[in-house]
Amino acid sequence: MRRFASRLLISTALLGASALLAGCIVVPARGHARVWIPGYWAAPHVWVAGHWRVR
């Protein structure tokens, strides 16, 4: 039972970590919805930092 609980805890932590690293977090639309745009590499060697955008 202890081994099962340990595996369940590890799998839950991995699932949570992958959800955090998945990308955009979309807020349900209520008029103007704010969406987090994560940082990304744009045209040659330009890093665009993460920012909030209104949809």
N, C-alpha and C. Protein backbone atom coordinates (compact mmCIF):
# COMPACT_ATOMS: atom_id res chain seq x y z
N MET A 1 0.82 -1.19 0.00
CA MET A 1 0.00 0.00 0.00
C MET A 1 0.86 1.26 0.00
N ARG A 2 1.96 1.23 0.72
CA ARG A 2 2.84 2.38 0.78
C ARG A 2 3.46 2.67 -0.59
N ARG A 3 3.81 1.61 -1.31
CA ARG A 3 4.39 1.77 -2.64
C ARG A 3 3.35 2.39 -3.60
N PHE A 4 2.09 1.95 -3.49
CA PHE A 4 1.03 2.48 -4.33
C PHE A 4 0.83 3.97 -4.06
N ALA A 5 0.81 4.35 -2.79
CA ALA A 5 0.63 5.76 -2.43
C ALA A 5 1.80 6.60 -2.94
N SER A 6 2.99 6.05 -2.87
CA SER A 6 4.17 6.76 -3.35
C SER A 6 4.07 6.99 -4.86
N ARG A 7 3.68 5.95 -5.59
CA ARG A 7 3.55 6.09 -7.04
C ARG A 7 2.43 7.06 -7.41
N LEU A 8 1.36 7.03 -6.65
CA LEU A 8 0.25 7.95 -6.91
C LEU A 8 0.69 9.39 -6.68
N LEU A 9 1.44 9.63 -5.63
CA LEU A 9 1.94 10.97 -5.34
C LEU A 9 2.89 11.46 -6.42
N ILE A 10 3.79 10.60 -6.86
CA ILE A 10 4.75 10.98 -7.91
C ILE A 10 4.03 11.26 -9.22
N SER A 11 3.07 10.41 -9.58
CA SER A 11 2.36 10.62 -10.84
C SER A 11 1.52 11.90 -10.79
N THR A 12 0.95 12.22 -9.63
CA THR A 12 0.19 13.46 -9.48
C THR A 12 1.12 14.66 -9.62
N ALA A 13 2.30 14.59 -9.03
CA ALA A 13 3.27 15.68 -9.13
C ALA A 13 3.73 15.87 -10.57
N LEU A 14 3.97 14.79 -11.29
CA LEU A 14 4.38 14.89 -12.69
C LEU A 14 3.27 15.46 -13.56
N LEU A 15 2.05 15.07 -13.30
CA LEU A 15 0.93 15.60 -14.06
C LEU A 15 0.76 17.09 -13.79
N GLY A 16 0.91 17.50 -12.54
CA GLY A 16 0.82 18.92 -12.20
C GLY A 16 1.94 19.74 -12.84
N ALA A 17 3.15 19.18 -12.83
CA ALA A 17 4.29 19.89 -13.44
C ALA A 17 4.09 20.03 -14.95
N SER A 18 3.59 18.99 -15.60
CA SER A 18 3.37 19.08 -17.04
C SER A 18 2.26 20.07 -17.37
N ALA A 19 1.26 20.18 -16.51
CA ALA A 19 0.19 21.16 -16.73
C ALA A 19 0.73 22.58 -16.60
N LEU A 20 1.66 22.80 -15.67
CA LEU A 20 2.25 24.13 -15.51
C LEU A 20 3.11 24.53 -16.70
N LEU A 21 3.75 23.54 -17.33
CA LEU A 21 4.64 23.83 -18.44
C LEU A 21 3.93 23.72 -19.79
N ALA A 22 2.64 23.49 -19.80
CA ALA A 22 1.92 23.22 -21.04
C ALA A 22 1.78 24.43 -21.95
N GLY A 23 1.78 25.64 -21.45
CA GLY A 23 1.65 26.79 -22.33
C GLY A 23 0.67 27.81 -21.81
N CYS A 24 -0.20 28.27 -22.69
CA CYS A 24 -1.12 29.35 -22.37
C CYS A 24 -2.15 28.92 -21.32
N ILE A 25 -2.46 29.83 -20.46
CA ILE A 25 -3.54 29.64 -19.50
C ILE A 25 -4.68 30.53 -19.95
N VAL A 26 -5.79 29.94 -20.33
CA VAL A 26 -6.90 30.70 -20.88
C VAL A 26 -7.92 30.94 -19.78
N VAL A 27 -8.29 32.18 -19.62
CA VAL A 27 -9.29 32.57 -18.63
C VAL A 27 -10.66 32.55 -19.32
N PRO A 28 -11.69 32.03 -18.69
CA PRO A 28 -13.02 32.02 -19.32
C PRO A 28 -13.44 33.42 -19.75
N ALA A 29 -14.04 33.52 -20.92
CA ALA A 29 -14.40 34.82 -21.50
C ALA A 29 -15.56 35.46 -20.75
N ARG A 30 -15.33 36.64 -20.22
CA ARG A 30 -16.36 37.49 -19.63
C ARG A 30 -16.08 38.89 -20.14
N GLY A 31 -16.59 39.20 -21.29
CA GLY A 31 -16.25 40.49 -21.89
C GLY A 31 -14.84 40.42 -22.43
N HIS A 32 -13.92 41.09 -21.77
CA HIS A 32 -12.52 41.05 -22.18
C HIS A 32 -11.78 40.03 -21.32
N ALA A 33 -11.33 38.94 -21.94
CA ALA A 33 -10.62 37.91 -21.20
C ALA A 33 -9.11 38.15 -21.33
N ARG A 34 -8.40 37.96 -20.22
CA ARG A 34 -6.94 38.10 -20.25
C ARG A 34 -6.31 36.73 -20.41
N VAL A 35 -5.32 36.62 -21.29
CA VAL A 35 -4.64 35.36 -21.58
C VAL A 35 -3.15 35.57 -21.39
N TRP A 36 -2.49 34.64 -20.68
CA TRP A 36 -1.04 34.72 -20.50
C TRP A 36 -0.36 34.11 -21.71
N ILE A 37 0.51 34.88 -22.36
CA ILE A 37 1.30 34.40 -23.49
C ILE A 37 2.71 34.13 -22.94
N PRO A 38 3.16 32.86 -22.94
CA PRO A 38 4.49 32.57 -22.40
C PRO A 38 5.59 33.12 -23.31
N GLY A 39 6.80 33.21 -22.80
CA GLY A 39 7.92 33.69 -23.60
C GLY A 39 8.22 32.73 -24.74
N TYR A 40 8.74 33.27 -25.84
CA TYR A 40 9.06 32.45 -27.00
C TYR A 40 10.15 33.11 -27.84
N TRP A 41 10.77 32.33 -28.71
CA TRP A 41 11.78 32.85 -29.63
C TRP A 41 11.08 33.30 -30.89
N ALA A 42 11.29 34.55 -31.29
CA ALA A 42 10.71 35.10 -32.51
C ALA A 42 11.78 35.07 -33.61
N ALA A 43 11.63 35.95 -34.59
CA ALA A 43 12.58 36.03 -35.72
C ALA A 43 14.02 35.94 -35.22
N PRO A 44 14.96 35.88 -36.07
CA PRO A 44 16.33 35.47 -35.71
C PRO A 44 16.85 35.99 -34.37
N HIS A 45 16.93 35.09 -33.42
CA HIS A 45 17.59 35.34 -32.12
C HIS A 45 16.96 36.48 -31.31
N VAL A 46 15.62 36.58 -31.32
CA VAL A 46 14.94 37.59 -30.52
C VAL A 46 14.03 36.88 -29.53
N TRP A 47 14.25 37.12 -28.24
CA TRP A 47 13.42 36.51 -27.20
C TRP A 47 12.30 37.48 -26.83
N VAL A 48 11.08 37.02 -26.94
CA VAL A 48 9.91 37.82 -26.57
C VAL A 48 9.46 37.31 -25.21
N ALA A 49 9.48 38.18 -24.19
CA ALA A 49 9.13 37.78 -22.83
C ALA A 49 7.63 37.51 -22.72
N GLY A 50 7.25 36.73 -21.71
CA GLY A 50 5.84 36.45 -21.47
C GLY A 50 5.08 37.71 -21.08
N HIS A 51 3.82 37.76 -21.46
CA HIS A 51 3.02 38.94 -21.18
C HIS A 51 1.53 38.58 -21.19
N TRP A 52 0.73 39.46 -20.62
CA TRP A 52 -0.73 39.29 -20.63
C TRP A 52 -1.29 39.95 -21.87
N ARG A 53 -2.28 39.32 -22.49
CA ARG A 53 -2.93 39.88 -23.66
C ARG A 53 -4.44 39.81 -23.45
N VAL A 54 -5.14 40.85 -23.87
CA VAL A 54 -6.60 40.88 -23.75
C VAL A 54 -7.18 40.35 -25.04
N ARG A 55 -8.08 39.36 -24.88
CA ARG A 55 -8.73 38.78 -26.06
C ARG A 55 -10.12 39.31 -26.20
